[in-house]
Each structure stands twice: as structure tokens, then as C-alpha cells.
Protein backbone atom coordinates (compact mmCIF):
# COMPACT_ATOMS: atom_id res chain seq x y z
CA MET A 1 0.00 0.00 0.00
CA SER A 2 2.75 2.45 0.91
CA THR A 3 4.60 1.54 -2.28
CA LEU A 4 1.47 2.21 -4.28
CA LEU A 5 0.90 5.59 -2.61
CA SER A 6 4.48 6.62 -3.09
CA SER A 7 4.51 5.67 -6.73
CA SER A 8 1.19 7.45 -7.25
CA PHE A 9 2.48 10.60 -5.54
CA PHE A 10 5.73 10.76 -7.47
CA SER A 11 4.10 9.89 -10.75
CA HIS A 12 1.72 12.86 -10.45
CA PRO A 13 3.46 15.37 -8.13
CA ALA A 14 1.49 18.38 -9.31
CA SER A 15 -1.95 16.88 -8.79
CA SER A 16 -0.95 15.34 -5.45
CA PHE A 17 0.35 18.67 -4.15
CA GLN A 18 -2.84 20.40 -5.28
CA ASN A 19 -5.04 17.87 -3.55
CA TYR A 20 -3.03 18.17 -0.33
CA PHE A 21 -3.17 21.95 -0.40
CA LEU A 22 -6.91 22.09 -1.07
CA THR A 23 -7.63 19.60 1.69
CA ASN A 24 -5.90 21.79 4.30
CA VAL A 25 -7.26 25.08 3.01
CA GLU A 26 -10.83 23.85 3.20
CA ASN A 27 -10.48 23.55 6.95
CA GLU A 28 -9.24 27.17 7.31
CA LYS A 29 -11.05 29.26 4.70
CA ASN A 30 -14.62 28.82 3.56
CA PHE A 31 -14.23 30.34 0.15
CA TYR A 32 -11.93 27.49 -0.93
CA LYS A 33 -14.64 24.85 -0.33
CA SER A 34 -16.28 25.34 -3.68
CA ALA A 35 -13.02 25.58 -5.61
CA LYS A 36 -11.97 23.04 -8.18
CA VAL A 37 -8.52 21.67 -8.77
CA GLU A 38 -8.63 22.68 -12.42
CA ASP A 39 -9.09 26.35 -11.45
CA TYR A 40 -5.68 26.57 -9.84
CA ASP A 41 -2.18 26.74 -11.18
CA LEU A 42 0.77 25.30 -9.30
CA ASP A 43 2.66 28.61 -9.15
CA ILE A 44 -0.37 30.49 -7.84
CA LEU A 45 -0.99 27.81 -5.26
CA SER A 46 2.60 28.06 -4.09
CA GLU A 47 2.26 31.81 -3.57
CA ASP A 48 -1.00 31.38 -1.70
CA PHE A 49 0.51 28.64 0.38
CA TYR A 50 3.46 30.75 1.51
CA GLN A 51 1.14 33.67 2.15
CA HIS A 52 -0.94 31.39 4.32
CA LEU A 53 2.17 30.43 6.28
CA ASP A 54 3.02 34.10 6.72
CA ASP A 55 -0.46 34.75 8.07
CA LEU A 56 -0.07 31.93 10.56
CA ASP A 57 3.26 33.38 11.72
CA SER A 58 1.98 36.99 11.86
CA PRO A 59 2.40 37.37 15.68
CA LEU A 60 6.08 36.51 15.35
CA TYR A 61 6.41 38.93 12.44
CA ILE A 62 4.83 41.74 14.48
CA ASP A 63 7.12 41.05 17.41
CA GLU A 64 10.14 41.29 15.13
CA GLN A 65 8.94 44.62 13.76
CA GLN A 66 8.33 45.95 17.27
CA ALA A 67 11.76 44.85 18.37
CA TRP A 68 13.31 46.59 15.39
CA SER A 69 11.42 49.82 16.10
CA LEU A 70 12.49 49.76 19.75
CA ASP A 71 16.12 49.27 18.76
CA ASP A 72 15.78 52.14 16.31
CA GLU A 73 14.36 54.43 19.01
CA ASP A 74 17.16 53.49 21.40
CA GLU A 75 19.74 54.32 18.76
CA ILE A 76 18.16 57.72 18.09
CA SER A 77 17.99 58.46 21.83
CA SER A 78 21.65 57.59 22.31
CA LEU A 79 22.62 59.85 19.40
CA ALA A 80 20.59 62.71 20.87
CA VAL A 81 22.24 62.30 24.28
CA SER A 82 25.72 62.24 22.77
CA LEU A 83 24.97 65.37 20.73
CA GLN A 84 23.67 67.16 23.81
CA ASN A 85 26.78 66.24 25.78
CA THR A 86 28.98 67.51 22.96
CA LEU A 87 27.18 70.85 22.90
CA LEU A 88 27.46 71.18 26.68
CA LEU A 89 31.19 70.52 26.54
CA GLN A 90 31.60 73.15 23.85
CA ARG A 91 29.75 75.68 25.97
CA GLN A 92 31.87 74.88 28.99
CA LYS A 93 35.07 75.27 27.00
CA LYS A 94 33.97 78.62 25.57
CA ARG A 95 35.31 81.30 27.88
CA PRO A 96 33.80 84.79 28.04
CA LYS A 97 35.56 87.32 25.87
CA ARG A 98 37.56 89.83 27.86
CA PRO A 99 36.82 93.48 27.03
CA PRO A 100 39.56 95.99 26.18
CA GLU A 101 41.32 97.95 28.89
CA GLY A 102 39.33 100.89 30.15
CA TYR A 103 35.98 99.32 29.30
CA LEU A 104 33.49 99.76 32.13
CA CYS A 105 30.42 97.59 32.51
CA HIS A 106 27.42 99.92 32.58
CA LEU A 107 25.53 97.48 34.77
CA CYS A 108 27.86 97.26 37.77
CA PHE A 109 30.34 99.97 36.68
CA CYS A 110 33.25 97.57 37.08
CA LYS A 111 36.01 96.58 34.68
CA GLY A 112 36.95 93.15 33.36
CA HIS A 113 33.74 91.92 31.71
CA TYR A 114 30.97 92.84 29.32
CA ILE A 115 27.42 93.41 30.48
CA LYS A 116 26.31 89.99 29.18
CA ASP A 117 28.86 88.37 31.51
CA CYS A 118 28.12 90.65 34.47
CA PRO A 119 27.38 88.82 37.74
CA GLN A 120 24.56 91.28 38.39
CA ALA A 121 22.94 90.67 35.01
CA ARG A 122 19.38 89.46 35.20
CA PRO A 123 17.81 86.95 32.83
CA LYS A 124 16.62 88.38 29.55
CA GLY A 125 13.12 89.76 29.87
CA GLU A 126 13.56 91.02 33.44
CA GLY A 127 14.06 94.72 34.01
CA LEU A 128 12.96 97.63 31.86
CA THR A 129 16.39 99.20 31.35
CA PRO A 130 19.90 97.92 30.58
CA TYR A 131 21.20 99.16 33.93
CA GLN A 132 19.78 97.46 37.01
CA GLY A 133 21.84 99.17 39.71
CA LYS A 134 20.89 101.89 42.21
CA LYS A 135 23.04 104.76 40.93
CA ARG A 136 22.10 107.60 38.64
CA CYS A 137 23.59 107.34 35.15
CA PHE A 138 23.44 108.71 31.62
CA GLY A 139 20.65 107.44 29.44
CA GLU A 140 19.84 107.58 25.74
CA PHE A 141 16.16 107.69 24.82
CA LYS A 142 14.20 107.36 21.58
CA CYS A 143 10.46 107.85 21.31
CA PRO A 144 8.85 104.94 19.42
CA LEU A 145 6.13 107.24 17.99
CA CYS A 146 7.86 110.39 16.75
CA LYS A 147 11.39 108.88 16.69
CA ARG A 148 12.71 111.83 18.70
CA LYS A 149 16.01 111.18 20.48
CA TRP A 150 17.37 112.76 23.62
CA MET A 151 19.96 112.13 26.31
CA SER A 152 19.77 112.71 30.02
CA GLY A 153 22.14 112.53 32.96
CA ASN A 154 19.19 111.73 35.21
CA SER A 155 18.54 108.18 34.11
CA TRP A 156 17.74 105.42 36.58
CA ALA A 157 17.10 101.71 36.53
CA ASN A 158 13.59 100.68 35.48
CA THR A 159 12.39 104.29 35.15
CA GLY A 160 11.78 106.36 32.05
CA GLN A 161 11.08 109.88 30.88
CA GLN A 162 8.17 111.29 28.92
CA CYS A 163 8.55 112.52 25.37
CA ILE A 164 7.79 116.26 25.25
CA LYS A 165 5.87 115.79 21.99
CA CYS A 166 3.98 112.54 22.47
CA TYR A 167 3.75 112.52 26.28
CA ILE A 168 4.39 108.79 26.53
CA ASN A 169 6.86 107.24 28.94
CA VAL A 170 10.04 106.08 27.20
CA TYR A 171 12.69 103.85 28.77
CA PRO A 172 16.37 104.30 27.85
CA HIS A 173 17.82 101.80 25.41
CA LYS A 174 21.38 102.71 26.36
CA GLN A 175 22.85 103.67 29.75
CA ARG A 176 26.37 104.61 30.83
CA PRO A 177 28.00 105.59 34.13
CA LEU A 178 28.32 109.29 34.90
CA ASP A 179 32.13 109.27 34.87
CA LYS A 180 32.28 107.29 31.60
CA PRO A 181 29.55 108.70 29.36
CA ASP A 182 30.97 106.90 26.28
CA GLY A 183 29.84 109.51 23.77
CA LEU A 184 26.63 110.55 25.52
CA ASP A 185 26.00 114.26 25.89
CA VAL A 186 27.25 115.48 29.28
CA SER A 187 26.17 119.06 28.77
CA ASP A 188 22.70 118.38 30.14
CA GLN A 189 24.19 118.28 33.64
CA THR A 190 23.84 122.04 33.65
CA LYS A 191 20.37 122.01 32.09
CA GLU A 192 17.17 122.20 34.06
CA HIS A 193 15.68 118.78 34.62
CA PRO A 194 11.92 118.68 33.86
CA GLN A 195 10.60 116.84 36.88
CA ASP A 196 7.10 116.57 35.44
CA LEU A 197 8.48 114.37 32.65
CA CYS A 198 10.69 112.19 34.88
CA GLU A 199 9.21 108.98 36.22
CA LYS A 200 11.78 108.86 39.02
CA CYS A 201 10.91 112.36 40.24
CA LYS A 202 7.21 111.56 40.20
CA GLY A 203 7.78 108.41 42.21
CA LEU A 204 9.93 110.17 44.80
CA GLY A 205 7.87 113.32 44.95
CA TYR A 206 10.96 115.52 44.68
CA TYR A 207 14.00 116.14 42.50
CA CYS A 208 15.56 112.76 41.70
CA ARG A 209 19.14 114.00 42.07
CA ARG A 210 18.53 114.53 45.74
CA ALA A 211 18.04 110.79 46.12
CA GLN A 212 21.61 110.24 44.99
CA GLN A 213 22.98 112.86 47.38
CA SER A 214 21.07 111.58 50.40
């Protein structure tokens, strides 16, 4: 009997393979039940057969894809961390540029550093004026409406002066110490200071220069 089956199988390999395939597919998929052997080609059956095997092994295939995606994410994370560490090292190695001799920081009025490297510098966005100290200094103003410019030796931290044309409060965009005006007009020291236009004078209730003397 076994000899007969073997000889029958090897004598007609194509038809035997088709019968075997159809017998197993009928148990899995209903739409193959009405199919005939003559409707199928061996090559097409082979493709369907391997596709069927892939469908049976789909959980394993999904796990492999998930494992690959996780490895890919780990690799990207490690690259991001290494890049961040490199940037931090570059920042640490970069030393602050030393200003020329005679340069005076207009924030603390000390030599040896620029205002951006000043120990008294506040984070960007804090403070209304470049200078954040308690001393009176020179200030350069520019009205945002009429574009009028003026300079004053009665400039203070976080206080402004009104424009005589627009009557809006304007904060100085540049401030310098009194002994180092750095190009600012020093002649206004002898001019009369309009207290009604000075925010500092209004806040004190008297001439703002008296606050420096007291």
C-alpha cells in the first residue's frame, strides 16, 4: 500500500500537491470549499501557500517589527544624548571674551567683563532698562512714535522719561556711568531737569538727584 501511494504521488506530483493543499485550506477558509482543482495553477498555489504560512506566523512577524522599532528608538535616543553632551562641553570650553582695557560695565560699573557676563545681570526679559543698579547714570532715549532722540544725565534703573511731543513714557535703550559717558551728551548736567516728565521724580515726589545725594 505504501509503495502504491508513493509511486502514485511521485508519478503525479502536481496533482498530489494540489489535492493536499486544497484539503488543508478547506479547513481554514470557507471560500476554498467550492473551488476546483482545475481552477488553480501550481505557481499560484505556491504563492497562496506561503502567504498562508506568513499569516499563521503573523504574531512573530509583528514582534520582530516591534523589536526593530524599539532598537531604532534606542539608537536615536543615544545619538541625541551624545549630541547634547557635545554641545554642553563646547559651551563649557567657551570662555567669556575679555573686554579691552578701560571698558566699564554699565551694569555694575566695574572693569573686566561685558554686560552679558556681568554677575549682576538678570535673565533676559527682566528689568525695563539695561542698567539694574541703584546709581544715577546717563541714558539715551528714543520715542517709538515720533522717533525723537534725547539724552539725560538723570537716568535710573527701570524708570523712564516722557517725550515732550507725544507725552508717553520712554525707557532708555542705552545707559552709561556718569564718569564714563561713552559719547553721551554730558552738557545736560547744567540744564534744568523737567521733573514733570521724569518717572523717578514723580515716584519720589521731589527732584531725583537729591536721592543720589542723600
